[in-house]
Amino acid sequence: MSGPVIELQRVTKTYGTADAQVHALAGVDLVIRRGEHVAVMGASGSGKSTLMNIVGCLDTGSTGRYLLDGVDVRRLDDRQLSWVRNRKIGFVFQSFNLIARTSALRNVELPLAYAGVPAAERRERALAALDRVGLSARVRHHPSELSGGQQQRVAVARAIATDPVLLLADEPTGALDTRSTADVLDLFDELAAEGRTLVVITHEDEVAERARRVIRMSDGVVVSDRSQRALAG
């Protein structure tokens, strides 16, 4: 491990005004270093989703400082933030967020296209990412022709295709059956073992048990932060 990928310094997030204010984050300090596999847990309203949005540069804190890979994101304009989300962060969502009318290959190529990667290189990198998640035989299939677990693996391939510094997964197994959940968690274990930085937002103990570090949130603050041994695959 080297320097921090994520560094939050007294980050707050407040919604509303006056008597209607909601303090979603109430001063969060957090450091996640390169190569860590971290699960963030908490009940509804704990602040974990707000934290994810800030870490993913989908929102900004009301006060405090957030450094992503050493860069203070509050200093970035909209164009620069868009570039950061495309190049620095790979997103994996519960609902997969795949384009229904196009192939697995085209779905994985999409962020590379936005990044301006030439077509030949784009195809090569997308094929490599699909092979990495075990779907080299499904590159021409549309999402409707894939199981839920396969769709989530396409989403993971899309997330790693740009070689981001951070993989950010939001309830990635929430829509999956038991077998598909195990397959996706095994894949996360493998990616973490390769040294990728992985942050998973989850309410499921089974998912959190796979991480090497578990952060628990309540009422907008971190109430527990512990390291643990990853389970054998």
Protein backbone atom coordinates (compact mmCIF):
# COMPACT_ATOMS: atom_id res chain seq x y z
CA MET A 1 0.00 0.00 0.00
CA SER A 2 1.08 3.55 -0.65
CA GLY A 3 -0.60 6.94 -0.18
CA PRO A 4 -4.30 7.52 0.38
CA VAL A 5 -6.76 7.19 -2.48
CA ILE A 6 -9.50 8.70 -0.30
CA GLU A 7 -8.92 11.30 2.40
CA LEU A 8 -11.85 13.07 4.05
CA GLN A 9 -11.15 15.80 6.58
CA ARG A 10 -14.08 16.89 8.80
CA VAL A 11 -16.55 16.54 5.94
CA THR A 12 -20.13 17.58 6.63
CA LYS A 13 -23.25 17.55 4.47
CA THR A 14 -26.36 19.51 5.38
CA TYR A 15 -29.62 19.55 3.44
CA GLY A 16 -32.37 22.13 3.84
CA THR A 17 -32.34 25.38 5.78
CA ALA A 18 -33.18 26.67 9.26
CA ASP A 19 -35.57 24.35 11.14
CA ALA A 20 -35.73 21.94 8.22
CA GLN A 21 -32.01 21.16 8.20
CA VAL A 22 -30.87 17.56 7.97
CA HIS A 23 -27.27 16.81 8.89
CA ALA A 24 -26.50 13.81 6.67
CA LEU A 25 -22.80 13.90 7.54
CA ALA A 26 -21.66 15.48 10.79
CA GLY A 27 -17.89 15.73 10.43
CA VAL A 28 -16.34 12.61 8.88
CA ASP A 29 -12.62 11.95 8.96
CA LEU A 30 -11.60 8.98 6.84
CA VAL A 31 -8.49 7.69 5.08
CA ILE A 32 -8.54 4.75 2.66
CA ARG A 33 -5.22 3.76 1.20
CA ARG A 34 -4.35 2.26 -2.14
CA GLY A 35 -5.12 -1.44 -2.27
CA GLU A 36 -7.60 -1.52 0.62
CA HIS A 37 -10.86 -3.48 0.42
CA VAL A 38 -13.36 -1.61 2.59
CA ALA A 39 -17.04 -2.14 3.38
CA VAL A 40 -19.15 0.78 4.61
CA MET A 41 -22.24 -0.25 6.58
CA GLY A 42 -25.10 1.52 8.31
CA ALA A 43 -28.86 1.60 8.63
CA SER A 44 -31.06 3.75 6.44
CA GLY A 45 -30.34 7.37 7.29
CA SER A 46 -26.90 6.62 8.70
CA GLY A 47 -25.13 8.71 6.08
CA LYS A 48 -23.51 5.92 4.11
CA SER A 49 -25.24 6.84 0.83
CA THR A 50 -24.32 10.50 1.25
CA LEU A 51 -20.75 9.44 1.94
CA MET A 52 -20.76 7.33 -1.24
CA ASN A 53 -22.02 10.26 -3.31
CA ILE A 54 -19.26 12.50 -2.01
CA VAL A 55 -16.53 9.87 -2.40
CA GLY A 56 -17.80 9.22 -5.94
CA CYS A 57 -17.75 12.94 -6.79
CA LEU A 58 -21.49 12.82 -7.43
CA ASP A 59 -22.00 15.45 -4.71
CA THR A 60 -19.85 17.76 -2.59
CA GLY A 61 -19.70 18.26 1.15
CA SER A 62 -21.07 21.39 2.81
CA THR A 63 -17.82 21.88 4.70
CA GLY A 64 -14.54 20.03 5.05
CA ARG A 65 -12.06 18.72 2.52
CA TYR A 66 -12.01 15.66 0.26
CA LEU A 67 -8.85 14.55 -1.51
CA LEU A 68 -9.19 11.87 -4.20
CA ASP A 69 -5.83 10.44 -5.18
CA GLY A 70 -4.24 13.58 -3.74
CA VAL A 71 -6.50 16.06 -5.56
CA ASP A 72 -8.83 18.41 -3.65
CA VAL A 73 -12.10 17.86 -5.53
CA ARG A 74 -13.61 21.14 -4.35
CA ARG A 75 -11.12 22.91 -6.59
CA LEU A 76 -12.37 21.14 -9.71
CA ASP A 77 -14.91 22.59 -12.14
CA ASP A 78 -17.73 20.52 -13.68
CA ARG A 79 -15.66 19.43 -16.67
CA GLN A 80 -12.79 18.31 -14.45
CA LEU A 81 -15.18 16.47 -12.12
CA SER A 82 -16.67 14.65 -15.10
CA TRP A 83 -13.16 13.60 -16.15
CA VAL A 84 -12.43 12.36 -12.61
CA ARG A 85 -15.63 10.29 -12.50
CA ASN A 86 -14.79 8.77 -15.88
CA ARG A 87 -11.08 8.06 -15.36
CA LYS A 88 -10.46 7.82 -11.62
CA ILE A 89 -13.58 5.99 -10.37
CA GLY A 90 -15.23 2.79 -11.52
CA PHE A 91 -18.87 2.56 -10.41
CA VAL A 92 -20.84 -0.63 -9.76
CA PHE A 93 -24.52 -0.16 -8.90
CA GLN A 94 -27.22 -2.47 -7.54
CA SER A 95 -29.33 -2.06 -10.69
CA PHE A 96 -26.35 -2.71 -13.05
CA ASN A 97 -27.12 0.43 -15.13
CA LEU A 98 -26.45 -1.32 -18.42
CA ILE A 99 -27.84 -0.11 -21.75
CA ALA A 100 -30.47 -2.66 -22.66
CA ARG A 101 -30.30 -2.44 -26.45
CA THR A 102 -26.59 -2.95 -26.86
CA SER A 103 -24.11 -5.77 -26.28
CA ALA A 104 -21.96 -6.48 -23.26
CA LEU A 105 -18.95 -5.39 -25.30
CA ARG A 106 -20.50 -2.04 -26.22
CA ASN A 107 -21.56 -1.45 -22.61
CA VAL A 108 -18.00 -1.95 -21.43
CA GLU A 109 -16.63 0.23 -24.22
CA LEU A 110 -18.85 3.15 -23.24
CA PRO A 111 -16.66 4.85 -20.59
CA LEU A 112 -13.65 4.37 -22.85
CA ALA A 113 -15.52 6.12 -25.66
CA TYR A 114 -16.32 9.02 -23.34
CA ALA A 115 -12.62 9.13 -22.45
CA GLY A 116 -11.69 9.50 -26.11
CA VAL A 117 -9.91 6.15 -26.41
CA PRO A 118 -9.46 5.16 -30.09
CA ALA A 119 -11.82 2.47 -31.36
CA ALA A 120 -9.25 -0.32 -31.75
CA GLU A 121 -7.79 0.19 -28.29
CA ARG A 122 -11.27 0.59 -26.86
CA ARG A 123 -12.32 -2.79 -28.20
CA GLU A 124 -9.13 -4.46 -26.99
CA ARG A 125 -9.48 -3.09 -23.47
CA ALA A 126 -13.18 -3.94 -23.26
CA LEU A 127 -12.55 -7.51 -24.41
CA ALA A 128 -9.76 -7.85 -21.84
CA ALA A 129 -12.05 -6.56 -19.08
CA LEU A 130 -14.83 -9.00 -20.04
CA ASP A 131 -12.33 -11.83 -20.11
CA ARG A 132 -11.13 -10.76 -16.65
CA VAL A 133 -14.64 -11.20 -15.23
CA GLY A 134 -15.17 -14.53 -17.00
CA LEU A 135 -17.48 -13.38 -19.78
CA SER A 136 -15.36 -13.71 -22.90
CA ALA A 137 -18.02 -16.03 -24.35
CA ARG A 138 -20.81 -13.50 -23.77
CA VAL A 139 -19.43 -10.35 -25.38
CA ARG A 140 -22.18 -10.21 -28.04
CA HIS A 141 -25.04 -10.87 -25.64
CA HIS A 142 -27.45 -8.11 -24.64
CA PRO A 143 -28.32 -7.64 -20.94
CA SER A 144 -31.69 -9.38 -21.41
CA GLU A 145 -29.79 -12.50 -22.52
CA LEU A 146 -27.67 -12.56 -19.36
CA SER A 147 -28.44 -13.62 -15.80
CA GLY A 148 -28.39 -11.06 -13.01
CA GLY A 149 -24.95 -12.22 -11.90
CA GLN A 150 -23.62 -11.99 -15.44
CA GLN A 151 -25.05 -8.50 -15.83
CA GLN A 152 -23.29 -7.41 -12.65
CA ARG A 153 -20.04 -8.88 -13.94
CA VAL A 154 -20.48 -6.83 -17.12
CA ALA A 155 -20.91 -3.81 -14.87
CA VAL A 156 -17.68 -4.72 -13.04
CA ALA A 157 -15.89 -5.10 -16.38
CA ARG A 158 -17.13 -1.65 -17.38
CA ALA A 159 -15.89 -0.28 -14.05
CA ILE A 160 -12.35 -1.67 -14.42
CA ALA A 161 -11.95 -0.97 -18.16
CA THR A 162 -10.58 2.53 -17.55
CA ASP A 163 -8.15 1.20 -14.89
CA PRO A 164 -9.48 3.57 -12.20
CA VAL A 165 -7.78 4.26 -8.87
CA LEU A 166 -11.03 3.41 -7.05
CA LEU A 167 -13.82 0.87 -7.50
CA LEU A 168 -16.95 2.11 -5.76
CA ALA A 169 -19.79 -0.39 -5.43
CA ASP A 170 -23.24 0.56 -4.10
CA GLU A 171 -25.19 -2.45 -2.76
CA PRO A 172 -23.71 -4.54 -5.62
CA THR A 173 -25.43 -7.79 -4.62
CA GLY A 174 -28.81 -6.34 -3.63
CA ALA A 175 -30.54 -7.61 -6.78
CA LEU A 176 -28.80 -11.00 -6.95
CA ASP A 177 -29.63 -14.50 -5.81
CA THR A 178 -27.38 -16.43 -3.43
CA ARG A 179 -25.26 -18.10 -6.12
CA SER A 180 -24.77 -14.92 -8.13
CA THR A 181 -23.91 -13.02 -4.94
CA ALA A 182 -21.18 -15.53 -4.15
CA ASP A 183 -19.80 -15.25 -7.70
CA VAL A 184 -19.64 -11.44 -7.56
CA LEU A 185 -18.05 -11.48 -4.10
CA ASP A 186 -15.45 -13.97 -5.32
CA LEU A 187 -14.67 -11.57 -8.17
CA PHE A 188 -14.31 -8.68 -5.71
CA ASP A 189 -11.92 -10.82 -3.65
CA GLU A 190 -9.80 -11.43 -6.74
CA LEU A 191 -9.74 -7.75 -7.70
CA ALA A 192 -8.76 -6.81 -4.16
CA ALA A 193 -5.99 -9.43 -4.20
CA GLU A 194 -4.65 -7.75 -7.36
CA GLY A 195 -4.22 -4.56 -5.35
CA ARG A 196 -7.25 -2.60 -6.54
CA THR A 197 -8.83 -0.16 -4.10
CA LEU A 198 -12.40 -1.30 -3.49
CA VAL A 199 -15.08 0.44 -1.40
CA VAL A 200 -18.41 -1.35 -1.06
CA ILE A 201 -21.51 0.31 0.39
CA THR A 202 -23.69 -2.43 1.86
CA HIS A 203 -26.14 -3.40 4.56
CA GLU A 204 -25.41 -7.11 4.14
CA ASP A 205 -23.12 -8.84 6.66
CA GLU A 206 -22.19 -11.46 4.04
CA VAL A 207 -20.76 -8.74 1.80
CA ALA A 208 -18.98 -6.90 4.61
CA GLU A 209 -17.36 -10.11 5.86
CA ARG A 210 -15.37 -10.33 2.62
CA ALA A 211 -13.73 -6.92 3.15
CA ARG A 212 -10.50 -6.44 5.05
CA ARG A 213 -11.88 -3.37 6.80
CA VAL A 214 -15.41 -2.55 7.92
CA ILE A 215 -16.59 1.00 8.62
CA ARG A 216 -19.94 1.46 10.35
CA MET A 217 -21.87 4.71 10.25
CA SER A 218 -24.71 6.09 12.36
CA ASP A 219 -26.28 9.55 12.43
CA GLY A 220 -23.77 10.93 9.96
CA VAL A 221 -20.59 9.88 11.75
CA VAL A 222 -18.23 6.91 11.75
CA VAL A 223 -18.96 4.90 14.89
CA SER A 224 -16.72 1.91 14.17
CA ASP A 225 -13.69 1.29 11.96
CA ARG A 226 -12.04 -2.09 12.26
CA SER A 227 -9.74 -4.29 10.25
CA GLN A 228 -10.44 -7.98 9.76
CA ARG A 229 -8.99 -10.90 7.91
CA ALA A 230 -10.60 -11.52 4.52
CA LEU A 231 -12.34 -14.87 4.37
CA ALA A 232 -10.87 -17.57 2.19
CA GLY A 233 -12.65 -17.74 -1.17
